[in-house]
């Protein structure tokens, strides 16, 4: 997600509060928000995949595997 896309999301949000959006702008806003949420989820997945937890019994488990055991998010 680029800075320009985030700026456009914010611009559309401000416009929606003041003058309202056209149907094309609503569709663009929905698409941009979807891409933003997908980027956030991908970043969270990458963070979880890098975190290992040492259990009291000495075993190590990866948080990415704990929250997505079948690897469906990858």
PDB file of N, CA and C in Angstrom:
ATOM      1  N   UNK A   1       0.849  -1.163   0.000  1.00  0.00           N
ATOM      2  CA  UNK A   1       0.000   0.000   0.000  1.00  0.00           C
ATOM      3  C   UNK A   1       0.899   1.231   0.000  1.00  0.00           C
ATOM      4  N   UNK A   2       0.702   2.090  -0.952  1.00  0.00           N
ATOM      5  CA  UNK A   2       1.558   3.267  -1.075  1.00  0.00           C
ATOM      6  C   UNK A   2       1.014   4.433  -0.251  1.00  0.00           C
ATOM      7  N   UNK A   3       1.864   5.414  -0.037  1.00  0.00           N
ATOM      8  CA  UNK A   3       1.441   6.617   0.689  1.00  0.00           C
ATOM      9  C   UNK A   3       0.350   7.355  -0.079  1.00  0.00           C
ATOM     10  N   UNK A   4       0.431   7.304  -1.402  1.00  0.00           N
ATOM     11  CA  UNK A   4      -0.588   7.978  -2.214  1.00  0.00           C
ATOM     12  C   UNK A   4      -1.952   7.311  -2.030  1.00  0.00           C
ATOM     13  N   UNK A   5      -1.967   5.986  -1.934  1.00  0.00           N
ATOM     14  CA  UNK A   5      -3.229   5.272  -1.735  1.00  0.00           C
ATOM     15  C   UNK A   5      -3.823   5.582  -0.360  1.00  0.00           C
ATOM     16  N   UNK A   6      -2.979   5.644   0.648  1.00  0.00           N
ATOM     17  CA  UNK A   6      -3.455   5.977   1.987  1.00  0.00           C
ATOM     18  C   UNK A   6      -3.972   7.411   2.016  1.00  0.00           C
ATOM     19  N   UNK A   7      -3.258   8.310   1.345  1.00  0.00           N
ATOM     20  CA  UNK A   7      -3.713   9.698   1.266  1.00  0.00           C
ATOM     21  C   UNK A   7      -5.072   9.768   0.565  1.00  0.00           C
ATOM     22  N   UNK A   8      -5.261   8.965  -0.467  1.00  0.00           N
ATOM     23  CA  UNK A   8      -6.537   8.954  -1.181  1.00  0.00           C
ATOM     24  C   UNK A   8      -7.659   8.421  -0.286  1.00  0.00           C
ATOM     25  N   UNK A   9      -7.384   7.391   0.514  1.00  0.00           N
ATOM     26  CA  UNK A   9      -8.371   6.880   1.465  1.00  0.00           C
ATOM     27  C   UNK A   9      -8.806   8.004   2.402  1.00  0.00           C
ATOM     28  N   UNK A  10      -7.838   8.732   2.932  1.00  0.00           N
ATOM     29  CA  UNK A  10      -8.136   9.819   3.859  1.00  0.00           C
ATOM     30  C   UNK A  10      -8.903  10.949   3.166  1.00  0.00           C
ATOM     31  N   UNK A  11      -8.519  11.240   1.941  1.00  0.00           N
ATOM     32  CA  UNK A  11      -9.209  12.285   1.168  1.00  0.00           C
ATOM     33  C   UNK A  11     -10.677  11.908   0.948  1.00  0.00           C
ATOM     34  N   UNK A  12     -10.911  10.666   0.573  1.00  0.00           N
ATOM     35  CA  UNK A  12     -12.287  10.215   0.353  1.00  0.00           C
ATOM     36  C   UNK A  12     -13.086  10.209   1.657  1.00  0.00           C
ATOM     37  N   UNK A  13     -12.447   9.862   2.764  1.00  0.00           N
ATOM     38  CA  UNK A  13     -13.134   9.866   4.057  1.00  0.00           C
ATOM     39  C   UNK A  13     -13.555  11.286   4.434  1.00  0.00           C
ATOM     40  N   UNK A  14     -12.666  12.250   4.214  1.00  0.00           N
ATOM     41  CA  UNK A  14     -13.010  13.644   4.510  1.00  0.00           C
ATOM     42  C   UNK A  14     -14.147  14.131   3.617  1.00  0.00           C
ATOM     43  N   UNK A  15     -14.071  13.781   2.345  1.00  0.00           N
ATOM     44  CA  UNK A  15     -15.105  14.206   1.411  1.00  0.00           C
ATOM     45  C   UNK A  15     -16.452  13.570   1.757  1.00  0.00           C
ATOM     46  N   UNK A  16     -16.428  12.314   2.195  1.00  0.00           N
ATOM     47  CA  UNK A  16     -17.668  11.621   2.565  1.00  0.00           C
ATOM     48  C   UNK A  16     -18.352  12.333   3.732  1.00  0.00           C
ATOM     49  N   UNK A  17     -17.565  12.876   4.650  1.00  0.00           N
ATOM     50  CA  UNK A  17     -18.126  13.570   5.808  1.00  0.00           C
ATOM     51  C   UNK A  17     -18.682  14.942   5.447  1.00  0.00           C
ATOM     52  N   UNK A  18     -18.122  15.569   4.422  1.00  0.00           N
ATOM     53  CA  UNK A  18     -18.534  16.941   4.106  1.00  0.00           C
ATOM     54  C   UNK A  18     -19.579  16.989   2.997  1.00  0.00           C
ATOM     55  N   UNK A  19     -19.194  16.617   1.785  1.00  0.00           N
ATOM     56  CA  UNK A  19     -20.099  16.776   0.639  1.00  0.00           C
ATOM     57  C   UNK A  19     -20.712  15.478   0.155  1.00  0.00           C
ATOM     58  N   UNK A  20     -20.182  14.349   0.618  1.00  0.00           N
ATOM     59  CA  UNK A  20     -20.676  13.063   0.140  1.00  0.00           C
ATOM     60  C   UNK A  20     -19.869  12.568  -1.047  1.00  0.00           C
ATOM     61  N   UNK A  21     -20.044  11.294  -1.355  1.00  0.00           N
ATOM     62  CA  UNK A  21     -19.280  10.665  -2.436  1.00  0.00           C
ATOM     63  C   UNK A  21     -20.207  10.240  -3.569  1.00  0.00           C
ATOM     64  N   UNK A  22     -19.648  10.245  -4.775  1.00  0.00           N
ATOM     65  CA  UNK A  22     -20.372   9.693  -5.915  1.00  0.00           C
ATOM     66  C   UNK A  22     -20.286   8.171  -5.833  1.00  0.00           C
ATOM     67  N   UNK A  23     -21.054   7.491  -6.654  1.00  0.00           N
ATOM     68  CA  UNK A  23     -21.007   6.020  -6.660  1.00  0.00           C
ATOM     69  C   UNK A  23     -19.625   5.517  -7.055  1.00  0.00           C
ATOM     70  N   UNK A  24     -18.971   6.203  -7.993  1.00  0.00           N
ATOM     71  CA  UNK A  24     -17.617   5.801  -8.401  1.00  0.00           C
ATOM     72  C   UNK A  24     -16.633   5.971  -7.251  1.00  0.00           C
ATOM     73  N   UNK A  25     -16.767   7.063  -6.508  1.00  0.00           N
ATOM     74  CA  UNK A  25     -15.881   7.303  -5.377  1.00  0.00           C
ATOM     75  C   UNK A  25     -16.138   6.296  -4.253  1.00  0.00           C
ATOM     76  N   UNK A  26     -17.396   5.934  -4.055  1.00  0.00           N
ATOM     77  CA  UNK A  26     -17.716   4.917  -3.049  1.00  0.00           C
ATOM     78  C   UNK A  26     -17.071   3.581  -3.408  1.00  0.00           C
ATOM     79  N   UNK A  27     -17.127   3.239  -4.698  1.00  0.00           N
ATOM     80  CA  UNK A  27     -16.510   1.989  -5.148  1.00  0.00           C
ATOM     81  C   UNK A  27     -14.992   2.041  -4.973  1.00  0.00           C
ATOM     82  N   UNK A  28     -14.397   3.184  -5.312  1.00  0.00           N
ATOM     83  CA  UNK A  28     -12.952   3.352  -5.146  1.00  0.00           C
ATOM     84  C   UNK A  28     -12.575   3.248  -3.667  1.00  0.00           C
ATOM     85  N   UNK A  29     -13.360   3.882  -2.808  1.00  0.00           N
ATOM     86  CA  UNK A  29     -13.104   3.842  -1.370  1.00  0.00           C
ATOM     87  C   UNK A  29     -13.174   2.409  -0.848  1.00  0.00           C
ATOM     88  N   UNK A  30     -14.167   1.668  -1.282  1.00  0.00           N
ATOM     89  CA  UNK A  30     -14.319   0.284  -0.847  1.00  0.00           C
ATOM     90  C   UNK A  30     -13.125  -0.562  -1.295  1.00  0.00           C
ATOM     91  N   UNK A  31     -12.701  -0.377  -2.543  1.00  0.00           N
ATOM     92  CA  UNK A  31     -11.561  -1.120  -3.077  1.00  0.00           C
ATOM     93  C   UNK A  31     -10.279  -0.774  -2.310  1.00  0.00           C
ATOM     94  N   UNK A  32     -10.048   0.520  -2.061  1.00  0.00           N
ATOM     95  CA  UNK A  32      -8.841   0.941  -1.348  1.00  0.00           C
ATOM     96  C   UNK A  32      -8.834   0.435   0.090  1.00  0.00           C
ATOM     97  N   UNK A  33      -9.989   0.485   0.746  1.00  0.00           N
ATOM     98  CA  UNK A  33     -10.072  -0.023   2.112  1.00  0.00           C
ATOM     99  C   UNK A  33      -9.799  -1.519   2.161  1.00  0.00           C
ATOM    100  N   UNK A  34     -10.302  -2.252   1.177  1.00  0.00           N
ATOM    101  CA  UNK A  34     -10.041  -3.687   1.106  1.00  0.00           C
ATOM    102  C   UNK A  34      -8.562  -3.988   0.948  1.00  0.00           C
ATOM    103  N   UNK A  35      -7.901  -3.223   0.085  1.00  0.00           N
ATOM    104  CA  UNK A  35      -6.456  -3.406  -0.103  1.00  0.00           C
ATOM    105  C   UNK A  35      -5.690  -3.059   1.166  1.00  0.00           C
ATOM    106  N   UNK A  36      -6.143  -2.011   1.870  1.00  0.00           N
ATOM    107  CA  UNK A  36      -5.499  -1.599   3.116  1.00  0.00           C
ATOM    108  C   UNK A  36      -5.609  -2.705   4.169  1.00  0.00           C
ATOM    109  N   UNK A  37      -6.794  -3.258   4.325  1.00  0.00           N
ATOM    110  CA  UNK A  37      -7.007  -4.336   5.298  1.00  0.00           C
ATOM    111  C   UNK A  37      -6.179  -5.561   4.939  1.00  0.00           C
ATOM    112  N   UNK A  38      -6.095  -5.884   3.650  1.00  0.00           N
ATOM    113  CA  UNK A  38      -5.278  -7.022   3.215  1.00  0.00           C
ATOM    114  C   UNK A  38      -3.804  -6.793   3.554  1.00  0.00           C
ATOM    115  N   UNK A  39      -3.324  -5.560   3.389  1.00  0.00           N
ATOM    116  CA  UNK A  39      -1.931  -5.242   3.709  1.00  0.00           C
ATOM    117  C   UNK A  39      -1.676  -5.371   5.206  1.00  0.00           C
ATOM    118  N   UNK A  40      -2.626  -4.923   6.028  1.00  0.00           N
ATOM    119  CA  UNK A  40      -2.479  -5.031   7.476  1.00  0.00           C
ATOM    120  C   UNK A  40      -2.429  -6.502   7.887  1.00  0.00           C
ATOM    121  N   UNK A  41      -3.310  -7.313   7.315  1.00  0.00           N
ATOM    122  CA  UNK A  41      -3.325  -8.744   7.638  1.00  0.00           C
ATOM    123  C   UNK A  41      -2.025  -9.425   7.224  1.00  0.00           C
ATOM    124  N   UNK A  42      -1.498  -9.055   6.063  1.00  0.00           N
ATOM    125  CA  UNK A  42      -0.240  -9.648   5.598  1.00  0.00           C
ATOM    126  C   UNK A  42       0.910  -9.267   6.535  1.00  0.00           C
ATOM    127  N   UNK A  43       0.919  -8.021   6.994  1.00  0.00           N
ATOM    128  CA  UNK A  43       1.963  -7.589   7.928  1.00  0.00           C
ATOM    129  C   UNK A  43       1.860  -8.340   9.249  1.00  0.00           C
ATOM    130  N   UNK A  44       0.647  -8.519   9.746  1.00  0.00           N
ATOM    131  CA  UNK A  44       0.453  -9.258  10.993  1.00  0.00           C
ATOM    132  C   UNK A  44       0.890 -10.705  10.836  1.00  0.00           C
ATOM    133  N   UNK A  45       0.539 -11.332   9.718  1.00  0.00           N
ATOM    134  CA  UNK A  45       0.935 -12.716   9.441  1.00  0.00           C
ATOM    135  C   UNK A  45       2.459 -12.828   9.442  1.00  0.00           C
ATOM    136  N   UNK A  46       3.136 -11.880   8.798  1.00  0.00           N
ATOM    137  CA  UNK A  46       4.601 -11.911   8.737  1.00  0.00           C
ATOM    138  C   UNK A  46       5.202 -11.779  10.134  1.00  0.00           C
ATOM    139  N   UNK A  47       4.614 -10.928  10.975  1.00  0.00           N
ATOM    140  CA  UNK A  47       5.103 -10.781  12.345  1.00  0.00           C
ATOM    141  C   UNK A  47       4.908 -12.075  13.133  1.00  0.00           C
ATOM    142  N   UNK A  48       3.730 -12.673  13.033  1.00  0.00           N
ATOM    143  CA  UNK A  48       3.463 -13.915  13.760  1.00  0.00           C
ATOM    144  C   UNK A  48       4.402 -15.028  13.314  1.00  0.00           C
ATOM    145  N   UNK A  49       4.704 -15.074  12.018  1.00  0.00           N
ATOM    146  CA  UNK A  49       5.589 -16.112  11.504  1.00  0.00           C
ATOM    147  C   UNK A  49       7.011 -15.984  12.047  1.00  0.00           C
ATOM    148  N   UNK A  50       7.387 -14.796  12.501  1.00  0.00           N
ATOM    149  CA  UNK A  50       8.744 -14.578  13.018  1.00  0.00           C
ATOM    150  C   UNK A  50       8.843 -14.727  14.532  1.00  0.00           C
ATOM    151  N   UNK A  51       7.722 -14.993  15.212  1.00  0.00           N
ATOM    152  CA  UNK A  51       7.741 -15.065  16.675  1.00  0.00           C
ATOM    153  C   UNK A  51       7.659 -16.519  17.125  1.00  0.00           C
ATOM    154  N   UNK A  52       8.643 -16.930  17.898  1.00  0.00           N
ATOM    155  CA  UNK A  52       8.650 -18.257  18.506  1.00  0.00           C
ATOM    156  C   UNK A  52       8.507 -18.088  20.018  1.00  0.00           C
ATOM    157  N   UNK A  53       7.687 -18.947  20.616  1.00  0.00           N
ATOM    158  CA  UNK A  53       7.449 -18.903  22.051  1.00  0.00           C
ATOM    159  C   UNK A  53       8.045 -20.164  22.674  1.00  0.00           C
ATOM    160  N   UNK A  54       8.822 -19.978  23.750  1.00  0.00           N
ATOM    161  CA  UNK A  54       9.382 -21.107  24.478  1.00  0.00           C
ATOM    162  C   UNK A  54       8.390 -21.443  25.596  1.00  0.00           C
ATOM    163  N   UNK A  55       7.873 -22.657  25.546  1.00  0.00           N
ATOM    164  CA  UNK A  55       6.906 -23.126  26.544  1.00  0.00           C
ATOM    165  C   UNK A  55       7.637 -23.534  27.820  1.00  0.00           C
ATOM    166  N   UNK A  56       6.908 -23.635  28.946  1.00  0.00           N
ATOM    167  CA  UNK A  56       7.540 -24.033  30.213  1.00  0.00           C
ATOM    168  C   UNK A  56       8.238 -25.395  30.135  1.00  0.00           C
ATOM    169  N   UNK A  57       7.755 -26.287  29.272  1.00  0.00           N
ATOM    170  CA  UNK A  57       8.394 -27.600  29.148  1.00  0.00           C
ATOM    171  C   UNK A  57       9.630 -27.576  28.253  1.00  0.00           C
ATOM    172  N   UNK A  58       9.970 -26.398  27.719  1.00  0.00           N
ATOM    173  CA  UNK A  58      11.154 -26.257  26.878  1.00  0.00           C
ATOM    174  C   UNK A  58      10.873 -26.358  25.395  1.00  0.00           C
ATOM    175  N   UNK A  59       9.656 -26.741  25.026  1.00  0.00           N
ATOM    176  CA  UNK A  59       9.338 -26.833  23.602  1.00  0.00           C
ATOM    177  C   UNK A  59       9.161 -25.428  23.019  1.00  0.00           C
ATOM    178  N   UNK A  60       9.365 -25.337  21.730  1.00  0.00           N
ATOM    179  CA  UNK A  60       9.249 -24.063  21.035  1.00  0.00           C
ATOM    180  C   UNK A  60       8.124 -24.183  20.015  1.00  0.00           C
ATOM    181  N   UNK A  61       7.238 -23.186  20.010  1.00  0.00           N
ATOM    182  CA  UNK A  61       6.193 -23.186  18.992  1.00  0.00           C
ATOM    183  C   UNK A  61       6.132 -21.811  18.342  1.00  0.00           C
ATOM    184  N   UNK A  62       5.831 -21.841  17.072  1.00  0.00           N
ATOM    185  CA  UNK A  62       5.753 -20.631  16.262  1.00  0.00           C
ATOM    186  C   UNK A  62       4.331 -20.083  16.328  1.00  0.00           C
ATOM    187  N   UNK A  63       4.182 -18.803  16.602  1.00  0.00           N
ATOM    188  CA  UNK A  63       2.853 -18.211  16.714  1.00  0.00           C
ATOM    189  C   UNK A  63       2.100 -18.231  15.387  1.00  0.00           C
ATOM    190  N   UNK A  64       2.805 -18.165  14.285  1.00  0.00           N
ATOM    191  CA  UNK A  64       2.145 -18.255  12.984  1.00  0.00           C
ATOM    192  C   UNK A  64       1.449 -19.596  12.818  1.00  0.00           C
ATOM    193  N   UNK A  65       2.071 -20.652  13.290  1.00  0.00           N
ATOM    194  CA  UNK A  65       1.467 -21.980  13.215  1.00  0.00           C
ATOM    195  C   UNK A  65       0.328 -22.129  14.219  1.00  0.00           C
ATOM    196  N   UNK A  66       0.437 -21.480  15.373  1.00  0.00           N
ATOM    197  CA  UNK A  66      -0.597 -21.569  16.391  1.00  0.00           C
ATOM    198  C   UNK A  66      -1.886 -20.921  15.888  1.00  0.00           C
ATOM    199  N   UNK A  67      -1.775 -19.765  15.251  1.00  0.00           N
ATOM    200  CA  UNK A  67      -2.974 -19.041  14.805  1.00  0.00           C
ATOM    201  C   UNK A  67      -3.424 -19.396  13.407  1.00  0.00           C
ATOM    202  N   UNK A  68      -2.672 -20.221  12.710  1.00  0.00           N
ATOM    203  CA  UNK A  68      -3.071 -20.696  11.382  1.00  0.00           C
ATOM    204  C   UNK A  68      -2.440 -22.059  11.156  1.00  0.00           C
ATOM    205  N   UNK A  69      -2.903 -23.097  11.880  1.00  0.00           N
ATOM    206  CA  UNK A  69      -2.226 -24.395  11.859  1.00  0.00           C
ATOM    207  C   UNK A  69      -2.197 -25.071  10.485  1.00  0.00           C
ATOM    208  N   UNK A  70      -3.172 -24.816   9.621  1.00  0.00           N
ATOM    209  CA  UNK A  70      -3.164 -25.444   8.300  1.00  0.00           C
ATOM    210  C   UNK A  70      -2.421 -24.598   7.265  1.00  0.00           C
ATOM    211  N   UNK A  71      -1.911 -23.448   7.665  1.00  0.00           N
ATOM    212  CA  UNK A  71      -1.185 -22.589   6.727  1.00  0.00           C
ATOM    213  C   UNK A  71      -2.075 -21.955   5.694  1.00  0.00           C
ATOM    214  N   UNK A  72      -3.345 -21.761   6.016  1.00  0.00           N
ATOM    215  CA  UNK A  72      -4.294 -21.218   5.047  1.00  0.00           C
ATOM    216  C   UNK A  72      -4.054 -19.743   4.770  1.00  0.00           C
ATOM    217  N   UNK A  73      -3.439 -19.022   5.705  1.00  0.00           N
ATOM    218  CA  UNK A  73      -3.213 -17.593   5.513  1.00  0.00           C
ATOM    219  C   UNK A  73      -2.003 -17.276   4.667  1.00  0.00           C
ATOM    220  N   UNK A  74      -1.253 -18.274   4.290  1.00  0.00           N
ATOM    221  CA  UNK A  74      -0.026 -18.032   3.531  1.00  0.00           C
ATOM    222  C   UNK A  74      -0.267 -18.118   2.052  1.00  0.00           C
TER     223      UNK A  74
END
